[in-house]
Every structure is written in structure tokens, then in C-alpha cells.
Amino acid sequence: VECTGLARPTVHRLASALVHHRFLSRDVRGRYVIGSRLA
């Protein structure tokens, strides 16, 4: 949210969708990371 300047609900909604499609993933601490689909 801080880095993009987007609203928190917007970031959460888009990040969840990107996780669903494997463009993003979550690490063991729950942080967002680049997902395997991009690789």
C-alpha cells in the first residue's frame, strides 16, 4: 500500500487475484512474493 500509493482494499483485492493465478505467492511469513507463473 505504501509503495504503490493505492488504497488498501484495492491492493488486497488485486494481490489476492494475482495469487490465485500464481503471478504472486506468499512466503512463510505471509508476505507477498513474485509467483511461479512469471518464471
PDB file of all heavy atoms in Angstrom:
ATOM      1  N   VAL A   1       0.843  -1.201   0.000  1.00  0.00           N
ATOM      2  CA  VAL A   1       0.000   0.000   0.000  1.00  0.00           C
ATOM      3  C   VAL A   1       0.875   1.246   0.000  1.00  0.00           C
ATOM      4  O   VAL A   1       0.658   2.193  -0.767  1.00  0.00           O
ATOM      5  CB  VAL A   1      -0.944  -0.006   1.221  1.00  0.00           C
ATOM      6  CG1 VAL A   1      -1.637   1.348   1.367  1.00  0.00           C
ATOM      7  CG2 VAL A   1      -1.982  -1.117   1.082  1.00  0.00           C
ATOM      8  N   GLU A   2       1.887   1.247   0.845  1.00  0.00           N
ATOM      9  CA  GLU A   2       2.768   2.406   0.943  1.00  0.00           C
ATOM     10  C   GLU A   2       3.561   2.615  -0.339  1.00  0.00           C
ATOM     11  O   GLU A   2       3.742   3.740  -0.806  1.00  0.00           O
ATOM     12  CB  GLU A   2       3.725   2.223   2.121  1.00  0.00           C
ATOM     13  CG  GLU A   2       4.696   3.385   2.302  1.00  0.00           C
ATOM     14  CD  GLU A   2       5.640   3.172   3.475  1.00  0.00           C
ATOM     15  OE1 GLU A   2       5.541   2.100   4.118  1.00  0.00           O
ATOM     16  OE2 GLU A   2       6.451   4.055   3.746  1.00  0.00           O
ATOM     17  N   CYS A   3       4.025   1.529  -0.924  1.00  0.00           N
ATOM     18  CA  CYS A   3       4.885   1.620  -2.102  1.00  0.00           C
ATOM     19  C   CYS A   3       4.114   2.037  -3.352  1.00  0.00           C
ATOM     20  O   CYS A   3       4.618   2.798  -4.169  1.00  0.00           O
ATOM     21  CB  CYS A   3       5.583   0.282  -2.330  1.00  0.00           C
ATOM     22  SG  CYS A   3       6.808   0.300  -3.637  1.00  0.00           S
ATOM     23  N   THR A   4       2.893   1.527  -3.503  1.00  0.00           N
ATOM     24  CA  THR A   4       2.123   1.815  -4.712  1.00  0.00           C
ATOM     25  C   THR A   4       1.266   3.066  -4.598  1.00  0.00           C
ATOM     26  O   THR A   4       0.903   3.663  -5.607  1.00  0.00           O
ATOM     27  CB  THR A   4       1.201   0.635  -5.055  1.00  0.00           C
ATOM     28  OG1 THR A   4       0.260   0.434  -3.975  1.00  0.00           O
ATOM     29  CG2 THR A   4       2.003  -0.648  -5.267  1.00  0.00           C
ATOM     30  N   GLY A   5       0.913   3.454  -3.363  1.00  0.00           N
ATOM     31  CA  GLY A   5       0.014   4.584  -3.187  1.00  0.00           C
ATOM     32  C   GLY A   5      -1.439   4.248  -3.461  1.00  0.00           C
ATOM     33  O   GLY A   5      -2.287   5.146  -3.483  1.00  0.00           O
ATOM     34  N   LEU A   6      -1.739   2.956  -3.637  1.00  0.00           N
ATOM     35  CA  LEU A   6      -3.116   2.532  -3.898  1.00  0.00           C
ATOM     36  C   LEU A   6      -3.843   2.308  -2.581  1.00  0.00           C
ATOM     37  O   LEU A   6      -3.233   2.108  -1.534  1.00  0.00           O
ATOM     38  CB  LEU A   6      -3.117   1.232  -4.718  1.00  0.00           C
ATOM     39  CG  LEU A   6      -2.432   1.289  -6.083  1.00  0.00           C
ATOM     40  CD1 LEU A   6      -2.390  -0.103  -6.706  1.00  0.00           C
ATOM     41  CD2 LEU A   6      -3.149   2.262  -7.017  1.00  0.00           C
ATOM     42  N   ALA A   7      -5.162   2.329  -2.641  1.00  0.00           N
ATOM     43  CA  ALA A   7      -5.966   2.086  -1.450  1.00  0.00           C
ATOM     44  C   ALA A   7      -5.773   0.642  -0.971  1.00  0.00           C
ATOM     45  O   ALA A   7      -5.617  -0.272  -1.781  1.00  0.00           O
ATOM     46  CB  ALA A   7      -7.440   2.340  -1.745  1.00  0.00           C
ATOM     47  N   ARG A   8      -5.810   0.458   0.331  1.00  0.00           N
ATOM     48  CA  ARG A   8      -5.588  -0.873   0.902  1.00  0.00           C
ATOM     49  C   ARG A   8      -6.563  -1.922   0.356  1.00  0.00           C
ATOM     50  O   ARG A   8      -6.125  -3.022  -0.019  1.00  0.00           O
ATOM     51  CB  ARG A   8      -5.679  -0.787   2.429  1.00  0.00           C
ATOM     52  CG  ARG A   8      -5.311  -2.092   3.138  1.00  0.00           C
ATOM     53  CD  ARG A   8      -5.502  -1.960   4.636  1.00  0.00           C
ATOM     54  NE  ARG A   8      -5.118  -3.171   5.331  1.00  0.00           N
ATOM     55  CZ  ARG A   8      -3.906  -3.401   5.824  1.00  0.00           C
ATOM     56  NH1 ARG A   8      -2.958  -2.493   5.680  1.00  0.00           N
ATOM     57  NH2 ARG A   8      -3.629  -4.540   6.457  1.00  0.00           N
ATOM     58  N   PRO A   9      -7.883  -1.640   0.276  1.00  0.00           N
ATOM     59  CA  PRO A   9      -8.784  -2.663  -0.282  1.00  0.00           C
ATOM     60  C   PRO A   9      -8.443  -3.010  -1.727  1.00  0.00           C
ATOM     61  O   PRO A   9      -8.574  -4.166  -2.137  1.00  0.00           O
ATOM     62  CB  PRO A   9     -10.166  -2.000  -0.174  1.00  0.00           C
ATOM     63  CG  PRO A   9     -10.019  -0.973   0.893  1.00  0.00           C
ATOM     64  CD  PRO A   9      -8.630  -0.455   0.773  1.00  0.00           C
ATOM     65  N   THR A  10      -7.988  -2.021  -2.501  1.00  0.00           N
ATOM     66  CA  THR A  10      -7.626  -2.276  -3.896  1.00  0.00           C
ATOM     67  C   THR A  10      -6.415  -3.198  -3.973  1.00  0.00           C
ATOM     68  O   THR A  10      -6.399  -4.170  -4.739  1.00  0.00           O
ATOM     69  CB  THR A  10      -7.317  -0.954  -4.619  1.00  0.00           C
ATOM     70  OG1 THR A  10      -8.482  -0.130  -4.597  1.00  0.00           O
ATOM     71  CG2 THR A  10      -6.909  -1.200  -6.064  1.00  0.00           C
ATOM     72  N   VAL A  11      -5.390  -2.909  -3.177  1.00  0.00           N
ATOM     73  CA  VAL A  11      -4.190  -3.741  -3.182  1.00  0.00           C
ATOM     74  C   VAL A  11      -4.521  -5.161  -2.739  1.00  0.00           C
ATOM     75  O   VAL A  11      -4.072  -6.143  -3.343  1.00  0.00           O
ATOM     76  CB  VAL A  11      -3.105  -3.136  -2.271  1.00  0.00           C
ATOM     77  CG1 VAL A  11      -1.909  -4.070  -2.165  1.00  0.00           C
ATOM     78  CG2 VAL A  11      -2.665  -1.774  -2.798  1.00  0.00           C
ATOM     79  N   HIS A  12      -5.334  -5.274  -1.701  1.00  0.00           N
ATOM     80  CA  HIS A  12      -5.687  -6.611  -1.202  1.00  0.00           C
ATOM     81  C   HIS A  12      -6.455  -7.397  -2.259  1.00  0.00           C
ATOM     82  O   HIS A  12      -6.179  -8.587  -2.489  1.00  0.00           O
ATOM     83  CB  HIS A  12      -6.529  -6.473   0.067  1.00  0.00           C
ATOM     84  CG  HIS A  12      -6.897  -7.801   0.683  1.00  0.00           C
ATOM     85  ND1 HIS A  12      -8.086  -8.449   0.419  1.00  0.00           N
ATOM     86  CD2 HIS A  12      -6.199  -8.614   1.528  1.00  0.00           C
ATOM     87  CE1 HIS A  12      -8.117  -9.594   1.070  1.00  0.00           C
ATOM     88  NE2 HIS A  12      -6.998  -9.713   1.756  1.00  0.00           N
ATOM     89  N   ARG A  13      -7.403  -6.753  -2.905  1.00  0.00           N
ATOM     90  CA  ARG A  13      -8.210  -7.449  -3.919  1.00  0.00           C
ATOM     91  C   ARG A  13      -7.351  -7.893  -5.112  1.00  0.00           C
ATOM     92  O   ARG A  13      -7.434  -9.050  -5.566  1.00  0.00           O
ATOM     93  CB  ARG A  13      -9.332  -6.526  -4.395  1.00  0.00           C
ATOM     94  CG  ARG A  13     -10.291  -7.193  -5.395  1.00  0.00           C
ATOM     95  CD  ARG A  13     -11.444  -6.283  -5.743  1.00  0.00           C
ATOM     96  NE  ARG A  13     -11.007  -5.125  -6.525  1.00  0.00           N
ATOM     97  CZ  ARG A  13     -10.905  -3.885  -6.054  1.00  0.00           C
ATOM     98  NH1 ARG A  13     -11.194  -3.641  -4.787  1.00  0.00           N
ATOM     99  NH2 ARG A  13     -10.513  -2.892  -6.824  1.00  0.00           N
ATOM    100  N   LEU A  14      -6.511  -7.001  -5.623  1.00  0.00           N
ATOM    101  CA  LEU A  14      -5.688  -7.337  -6.780  1.00  0.00           C
ATOM    102  C   LEU A  14      -4.621  -8.366  -6.419  1.00  0.00           C
ATOM    103  O   LEU A  14      -4.365  -9.293  -7.192  1.00  0.00           O
ATOM    104  CB  LEU A  14      -5.032  -6.073  -7.334  1.00  0.00           C
ATOM    105  CG  LEU A  14      -5.980  -5.048  -7.966  1.00  0.00           C
ATOM    106  CD1 LEU A  14      -5.213  -3.816  -8.413  1.00  0.00           C
ATOM    107  CD2 LEU A  14      -6.732  -5.663  -9.139  1.00  0.00           C
ATOM    108  N   ALA A  15      -4.000  -8.214  -5.247  1.00  0.00           N
ATOM    109  CA  ALA A  15      -2.973  -9.168  -4.848  1.00  0.00           C
ATOM    110  C   ALA A  15      -3.566 -10.567  -4.675  1.00  0.00           C
ATOM    111  O   ALA A  15      -2.944 -11.563  -5.055  1.00  0.00           O
ATOM    112  CB  ALA A  15      -2.294  -8.707  -3.559  1.00  0.00           C
ATOM    113  N   SER A  16      -4.761 -10.658  -4.122  1.00  0.00           N
ATOM    114  CA  SER A  16      -5.411 -11.961  -3.956  1.00  0.00           C
ATOM    115  C   SER A  16      -5.686 -12.609  -5.306  1.00  0.00           C
ATOM    116  O   SER A  16      -5.513 -13.823  -5.472  1.00  0.00           O
ATOM    117  CB  SER A  16      -6.719 -11.795  -3.172  1.00  0.00           C
ATOM    118  OG  SER A  16      -6.470 -11.304  -1.870  1.00  0.00           O
ATOM    119  N   ALA A  17      -6.117 -11.794  -6.286  1.00  0.00           N
ATOM    120  CA  ALA A  17      -6.360 -12.330  -7.626  1.00  0.00           C
ATOM    121  C   ALA A  17      -5.068 -12.789  -8.279  1.00  0.00           C
ATOM    122  O   ALA A  17      -5.023 -13.837  -8.946  1.00  0.00           O
ATOM    123  CB  ALA A  17      -7.040 -11.259  -8.492  1.00  0.00           C
ATOM    124  N   LEU A  18      -3.983 -12.041  -8.076  1.00  0.00           N
ATOM    125  CA  LEU A  18      -2.696 -12.424  -8.651  1.00  0.00           C
ATOM    126  C   LEU A  18      -2.157 -13.695  -8.004  1.00  0.00           C
ATOM    127  O   LEU A  18      -1.507 -14.509  -8.658  1.00  0.00           O
ATOM    128  CB  LEU A  18      -1.701 -11.270  -8.499  1.00  0.00           C
ATOM    129  CG  LEU A  18      -1.995 -10.038  -9.355  1.00  0.00           C
ATOM    130  CD1 LEU A  18      -1.112  -8.869  -8.931  1.00  0.00           C
ATOM    131  CD2 LEU A  18      -1.806 -10.344 -10.829  1.00  0.00           C
ATOM    132  N   VAL A  19      -2.421 -13.887  -6.709  1.00  0.00           N
ATOM    133  CA  VAL A  19      -2.038 -15.132  -6.044  1.00  0.00           C
ATOM    134  C   VAL A  19      -2.826 -16.305  -6.639  1.00  0.00           C
ATOM    135  O   VAL A  19      -2.269 -17.379  -6.879  1.00  0.00           O
ATOM    136  CB  VAL A  19      -2.276 -15.031  -4.522  1.00  0.00           C
ATOM    137  CG1 VAL A  19      -2.169 -16.404  -3.865  1.00  0.00           C
ATOM    138  CG2 VAL A  19      -1.284 -14.067  -3.883  1.00  0.00           C
ATOM    139  N   HIS A  20      -4.115 -16.090  -6.878  1.00  0.00           N
ATOM    140  CA  HIS A  20      -4.955 -17.148  -7.449  1.00  0.00           C
ATOM    141  C   HIS A  20      -4.409 -17.635  -8.787  1.00  0.00           C
ATOM    142  O   HIS A  20      -4.426 -18.837  -9.082  1.00  0.00           O
ATOM    143  CB  HIS A  20      -6.383 -16.626  -7.627  1.00  0.00           C
ATOM    144  CG  HIS A  20      -7.296 -17.595  -8.317  1.00  0.00           C
ATOM    145  ND1 HIS A  20      -7.857 -18.682  -7.677  1.00  0.00           N
ATOM    146  CD2 HIS A  20      -7.729 -17.659  -9.612  1.00  0.00           C
ATOM    147  CE1 HIS A  20      -8.594 -19.367  -8.529  1.00  0.00           C
ATOM    148  NE2 HIS A  20      -8.536 -18.770  -9.711  1.00  0.00           N
ATOM    149  N   HIS A  21      -3.905 -16.705  -9.593  1.00  0.00           N
ATOM    150  CA  HIS A  21      -3.376 -17.064 -10.911  1.00  0.00           C
ATOM    151  C   HIS A  21      -1.875 -17.346 -10.886  1.00  0.00           C
ATOM    152  O   HIS A  21      -1.260 -17.489 -11.941  1.00  0.00           O
ATOM    153  CB  HIS A  21      -3.672 -15.938 -11.905  1.00  0.00           C
ATOM    154  CG  HIS A  21      -5.133 -15.824 -12.239  1.00  0.00           C
ATOM    155  ND1 HIS A  21      -5.810 -16.769 -12.989  1.00  0.00           N
ATOM    156  CD2 HIS A  21      -6.051 -14.880 -11.913  1.00  0.00           C
ATOM    157  CE1 HIS A  21      -7.077 -16.408 -13.119  1.00  0.00           C
ATOM    158  NE2 HIS A  21      -7.254 -15.274 -12.472  1.00  0.00           N
ATOM    159  N   ARG A  22      -1.280 -17.402  -9.669  1.00  0.00           N
ATOM    160  CA  ARG A  22       0.113 -17.761  -9.458  1.00  0.00           C
ATOM    161  C   ARG A  22       1.108 -16.723  -9.986  1.00  0.00           C
ATOM    162  O   ARG A  22       2.279 -17.011 -10.166  1.00  0.00           O
ATOM    163  CB  ARG A  22       0.439 -19.141 -10.053  1.00  0.00           C
ATOM    164  CG  ARG A  22      -0.331 -20.252  -9.364  1.00  0.00           C
ATOM    165  CD  ARG A  22       0.134 -21.638  -9.764  1.00  0.00           C
ATOM    166  NE  ARG A  22      -0.146 -21.936 -11.155  1.00  0.00           N
ATOM    167  CZ  ARG A  22       0.785 -22.048 -12.089  1.00  0.00           C
ATOM    168  NH1 ARG A  22       2.062 -21.900 -11.792  1.00  0.00           N
ATOM    169  NH2 ARG A  22       0.456 -22.325 -13.328  1.00  0.00           N
ATOM    170  N   PHE A  23       0.640 -15.504 -10.265  1.00  0.00           N
ATOM    171  CA  PHE A  23       1.579 -14.433 -10.594  1.00  0.00           C
ATOM    172  C   PHE A  23       2.251 -13.926  -9.321  1.00  0.00           C
ATOM    173  O   PHE A  23       3.355 -13.399  -9.370  1.00  0.00           O
ATOM    174  CB  PHE A  23       0.859 -13.287 -11.302  1.00  0.00           C
ATOM    175  CG  PHE A  23       0.502 -13.608 -12.732  1.00  0.00           C
ATOM    176  CD1 PHE A  23      -0.758 -14.050 -13.068  1.00  0.00           C
ATOM    177  CD2 PHE A  23       1.446 -13.486 -13.737  1.00  0.00           C
ATOM    178  CE1 PHE A  23      -1.092 -14.356 -14.364  1.00  0.00           C
ATOM    179  CE2 PHE A  23       1.135 -13.803 -15.054  1.00  0.00           C
ATOM    180  CZ  PHE A  23      -0.143 -14.236 -15.372  1.00  0.00           C
ATOM    181  N   LEU A  24       1.578 -14.070  -8.194  1.00  0.00           N
ATOM    182  CA  LEU A  24       2.155 -13.788  -6.890  1.00  0.00           C
ATOM    183  C   LEU A  24       1.996 -15.027  -6.020  1.00  0.00           C
ATOM    184  O   LEU A  24       1.183 -15.903  -6.302  1.00  0.00           O
ATOM    185  CB  LEU A  24       1.468 -12.602  -6.199  1.00  0.00           C
ATOM    186  CG  LEU A  24       1.507 -11.235  -6.873  1.00  0.00           C
ATOM    187  CD1 LEU A  24       0.881 -10.189  -5.967  1.00  0.00           C
ATOM    188  CD2 LEU A  24       2.911 -10.843  -7.263  1.00  0.00           C
ATOM    189  N   SER A  25       2.772 -15.067  -4.924  1.00  0.00           N
ATOM    190  CA  SER A  25       2.652 -16.138  -3.949  1.00  0.00           C
ATOM    191  C   SER A  25       2.871 -15.526  -2.571  1.00  0.00           C
ATOM    192  O   SER A  25       3.070 -14.319  -2.448  1.00  0.00           O
ATOM    193  CB  SER A  25       3.676 -17.245  -4.245  1.00  0.00           C
ATOM    194  OG  SER A  25       3.506 -18.328  -3.351  1.00  0.00           O
ATOM    195  N   ARG A  26       2.786 -16.353  -1.523  1.00  0.00           N
ATOM    196  CA  ARG A  26       3.025 -15.894  -0.153  1.00  0.00           C
ATOM    197  C   ARG A  26       4.161 -16.710   0.439  1.00  0.00           C
ATOM    198  O   ARG A  26       4.214 -17.940   0.248  1.00  0.00           O
ATOM    199  CB  ARG A  26       1.766 -16.062   0.711  1.00  0.00           C
ATOM    200  CG  ARG A  26       0.507 -15.430   0.146  1.00  0.00           C
ATOM    201  CD  ARG A  26       0.528 -13.925   0.190  1.00  0.00           C
ATOM    202  NE  ARG A  26       0.363 -13.398   1.525  1.00  0.00           N
ATOM    203  CZ  ARG A  26      -0.824 -13.118   2.066  1.00  0.00           C
ATOM    204  NH1 ARG A  26      -1.942 -13.328   1.393  1.00  0.00           N
ATOM    205  NH2 ARG A  26      -0.890 -12.602   3.282  1.00  0.00           N
ATOM    206  N   ASP A  27       5.075 -16.044   1.136  1.00  0.00           N
ATOM    207  CA  ASP A  27       6.154 -16.784   1.775  1.00  0.00           C
ATOM    208  C   ASP A  27       5.719 -17.265   3.159  1.00  0.00           C
ATOM    209  O   ASP A  27       4.554 -17.089   3.554  1.00  0.00           O
ATOM    210  CB  ASP A  27       7.440 -15.950   1.833  1.00  0.00           C
ATOM    211  CG  ASP A  27       7.306 -14.725   2.744  1.00  0.00           C
ATOM    212  OD1 ASP A  27       6.297 -14.620   3.476  1.00  0.00           O
ATOM    213  OD2 ASP A  27       8.212 -13.872   2.727  1.00  0.00           O
ATOM    214  N   VAL A  28       6.627 -17.889   3.906  1.00  0.00           N
ATOM    215  CA  VAL A  28       6.269 -18.484   5.198  1.00  0.00           C
ATOM    216  C   VAL A  28       5.839 -17.430   6.216  1.00  0.00           C
ATOM    217  O   VAL A  28       5.167 -17.742   7.193  1.00  0.00           O
ATOM    218  CB  VAL A  28       7.452 -19.302   5.767  1.00  0.00           C
ATOM    219  CG1 VAL A  28       7.727 -20.512   4.898  1.00  0.00           C
ATOM    220  CG2 VAL A  28       8.704 -18.444   5.898  1.00  0.00           C
ATOM    221  N   ARG A  29       6.212 -16.170   5.998  1.00  0.00           N
ATOM    222  CA  ARG A  29       5.809 -15.087   6.888  1.00  0.00           C
ATOM    223  C   ARG A  29       4.555 -14.375   6.402  1.00  0.00           C
ATOM    224  O   ARG A  29       4.141 -13.382   6.988  1.00  0.00           O
ATOM    225  CB  ARG A  29       6.960 -14.080   7.025  1.00  0.00           C
ATOM    226  CG  ARG A  29       8.192 -14.663   7.705  1.00  0.00           C
ATOM    227  CD  ARG A  29       9.394 -13.729   7.631  1.00  0.00           C
ATOM    228  NE  ARG A  29       9.091 -12.408   8.170  1.00  0.00           N
ATOM    229  CZ  ARG A  29       9.941 -11.389   8.122  1.00  0.00           C
ATOM    230  NH1 ARG A  29      11.128 -11.549   7.548  1.00  0.00           N
ATOM    231  NH2 ARG A  29       9.606 -10.217   8.630  1.00  0.00           N
ATOM    232  N   GLY A  30       3.934 -14.890   5.341  1.00  0.00           N
ATOM    233  CA  GLY A  30       2.706 -14.299   4.844  1.00  0.00           C
ATOM    234  C   GLY A  30       2.921 -13.122   3.923  1.00  0.00           C
ATOM    235  O   GLY A  30       1.959 -12.499   3.474  1.00  0.00           O
ATOM    236  N   ARG A  31       4.176 -12.797   3.594  1.00  0.00           N
ATOM    237  CA  ARG A  31       4.447 -11.678   2.711  1.00  0.00           C
ATOM    238  C   ARG A  31       4.230 -12.085   1.257  1.00  0.00           C
ATOM    239  O   ARG A  31       4.343 -13.256   0.896  1.00  0.00           O
ATOM    240  CB  ARG A  31       5.876 -11.176   2.903  1.00  0.00           C
ATOM    241  CG  ARG A  31       6.186 -10.682   4.304  1.00  0.00           C
ATOM    242  CD  ARG A  31       7.659 -10.342   4.443  1.00  0.00           C
ATOM    243  NE  ARG A  31       8.501 -11.505   4.172  1.00  0.00           N
ATOM    244  CZ  ARG A  31       9.832 -11.490   4.183  1.00  0.00           C
ATOM    245  NH1 ARG A  31      10.459 -10.355   4.435  1.00  0.00           N
ATOM    246  NH2 ARG A  31      10.512 -12.583   3.936  1.00  0.00           N
ATOM    247  N   TYR A  32       3.938 -11.099   0.429  1.00  0.00           N
ATOM    248  CA  TYR A  32       3.751 -11.359  -0.996  1.00  0.00           C
ATOM    249  C   TYR A  32       5.116 -11.446  -1.679  1.00  0.00           C
ATOM    250  O   TYR A  32       6.035 -10.684  -1.380  1.00  0.00           O
ATOM    251  CB  TYR A  32       2.918 -10.255  -1.641  1.00  0.00           C
ATOM    252  CG  TYR A  32       1.476 -10.253  -1.193  1.00  0.00           C
ATOM    253  CD1 TYR A  32       1.054  -9.405  -0.177  1.00  0.00           C
ATOM    254  CD2 TYR A  32       0.544 -11.107  -1.762  1.00  0.00           C
ATOM    255  CE1 TYR A  32      -0.266  -9.407   0.258  1.00  0.00           C
ATOM    256  CE2 TYR A  32      -0.780 -11.114  -1.349  1.00  0.00           C
ATOM    257  CZ  TYR A  32      -1.175 -10.260  -0.339  1.00  0.00           C
ATOM    258  OH  TYR A  32      -2.484 -10.270   0.089  1.00  0.00           O
ATOM    259  N   VAL A  33       5.228 -12.391  -2.622  1.00  0.00           N
ATOM    260  CA  VAL A  33       6.442 -12.552  -3.423  1.00  0.00           C
ATOM    261  C   VAL A  33       6.019 -12.841  -4.864  1.00  0.00           C
ATOM    262  O   VAL A  33       4.875 -13.197  -5.138  1.00  0.00           O
ATOM    263  CB  VAL A  33       7.326 -13.706  -2.903  1.00  0.00           C
ATOM    264  CG1 VAL A  33       7.859 -13.406  -1.517  1.00  0.00           C
ATOM    265  CG2 VAL A  33       6.553 -15.033  -2.893  1.00  0.00           C
ATOM    266  N   ILE A  34       6.958 -12.667  -5.787  1.00  0.00           N
ATOM    267  CA  ILE A  34       6.698 -12.995  -7.185  1.00  0.00           C
ATOM    268  C   ILE A  34       6.388 -14.486  -7.297  1.00  0.00           C
ATOM    269  O   ILE A  34       7.082 -15.323  -6.725  1.00  0.00           O
ATOM    270  CB  ILE A  34       7.911 -12.631  -8.057  1.00  0.00           C
ATOM    271  CG1 ILE A  34       8.132 -11.112  -8.064  1.00  0.00           C
ATOM    272  CG2 ILE A  34       7.721 -13.147  -9.477  1.00  0.00           C
ATOM    273  CD1 ILE A  34       7.005 -10.323  -8.692  1.00  0.00           C
ATOM    274  N   GLY A  35       5.347 -14.829  -8.055  1.00  0.00           N
ATOM    275  CA  GLY A  35       4.907 -16.209  -8.159  1.00  0.00           C
ATOM    276  C   GLY A  35       5.570 -16.986  -9.273  1.00  0.00           C
ATOM    277  O   GLY A  35       6.263 -16.443 -10.135  1.00  0.00           O
ATOM    278  N   SER A  36       5.339 -18.282  -9.269  1.00  0.00           N
ATOM    279  CA  SER A  36       5.999 -19.181 -10.211  1.00  0.00           C
ATOM    280  C   SER A  36       5.497 -19.023 -11.639  1.00  0.00           C
ATOM    281  O   SER A  36       6.188 -19.387 -12.586  1.00  0.00           O
ATOM    282  CB  SER A  36       5.803 -20.631  -9.763  1.00  0.00           C
ATOM    283  OG  SER A  36       4.419 -20.940  -9.654  1.00  0.00           O
ATOM    284  N   ARG A  37       4.289 -18.477 -11.796  1.00  0.00           N
ATOM    285  CA  ARG A  37       3.758 -18.346 -13.158  1.00  0.00           C
ATOM    286  C   ARG A  37       4.620 -17.416 -14.005  1.00  0.00           C
ATOM    287  O   ARG A  37       4.811 -17.657 -15.210  1.00  0.00           O
ATOM    288  CB  ARG A  37       2.321 -17.814 -13.106  1.00  0.00           C
ATOM    289  CG  ARG A  37       1.642 -17.733 -14.472  1.00  0.00           C
ATOM    290  CD  ARG A  37       1.559 -19.091 -15.126  1.00  0.00           C
ATOM    291  NE  ARG A  37       0.950 -19.037 -16.437  1.00  0.00           N
ATOM    292  CZ  ARG A  37       1.330 -19.806 -17.456  1.00  0.00           C
ATOM    293  NH1 ARG A  37       2.313 -20.676 -17.294  1.00  0.00           N
ATOM    294  NH2 ARG A  37       0.731 -19.714 -18.612  1.00  0.00           N
ATOM    295  N   LEU A  38       5.166 -16.375 -13.399  1.00  0.00           N
ATOM    296  CA  LEU A  38       6.027 -15.462 -14.142  1.00  0.00           C
ATOM    297  C   LEU A  38       7.299 -16.175 -14.589  1.00  0.00           C
ATOM    298  O   LEU A  38       7.796 -15.934 -15.698  1.00  0.00           O
ATOM    299  CB  LEU A  38       6.373 -14.247 -13.280  1.00  0.00           C
ATOM    300  CG  LEU A  38       5.234 -13.238 -13.077  1.00  0.00           C
ATOM    301  CD1 LEU A  38       5.677 -12.127 -12.135  1.00  0.00           C
ATOM    302  CD2 LEU A  38       4.803 -12.640 -14.404  1.00  0.00           C
ATOM    303  N   ALA A  39       7.813 -17.035 -13.734  1.00  0.00           N
ATOM    304  CA  ALA A  39       9.009 -17.799 -14.114  1.00  0.00           C
ATOM    305  C   ALA A  39       8.691 -18.745 -15.276  1.00  0.00           C
ATOM    306  O   ALA A  39       9.513 -18.929 -16.186  1.00  0.00           O
ATOM    307  CB  ALA A  39       9.535 -18.583 -12.919  1.00  0.00           C
TER     308      ALA A  39
END
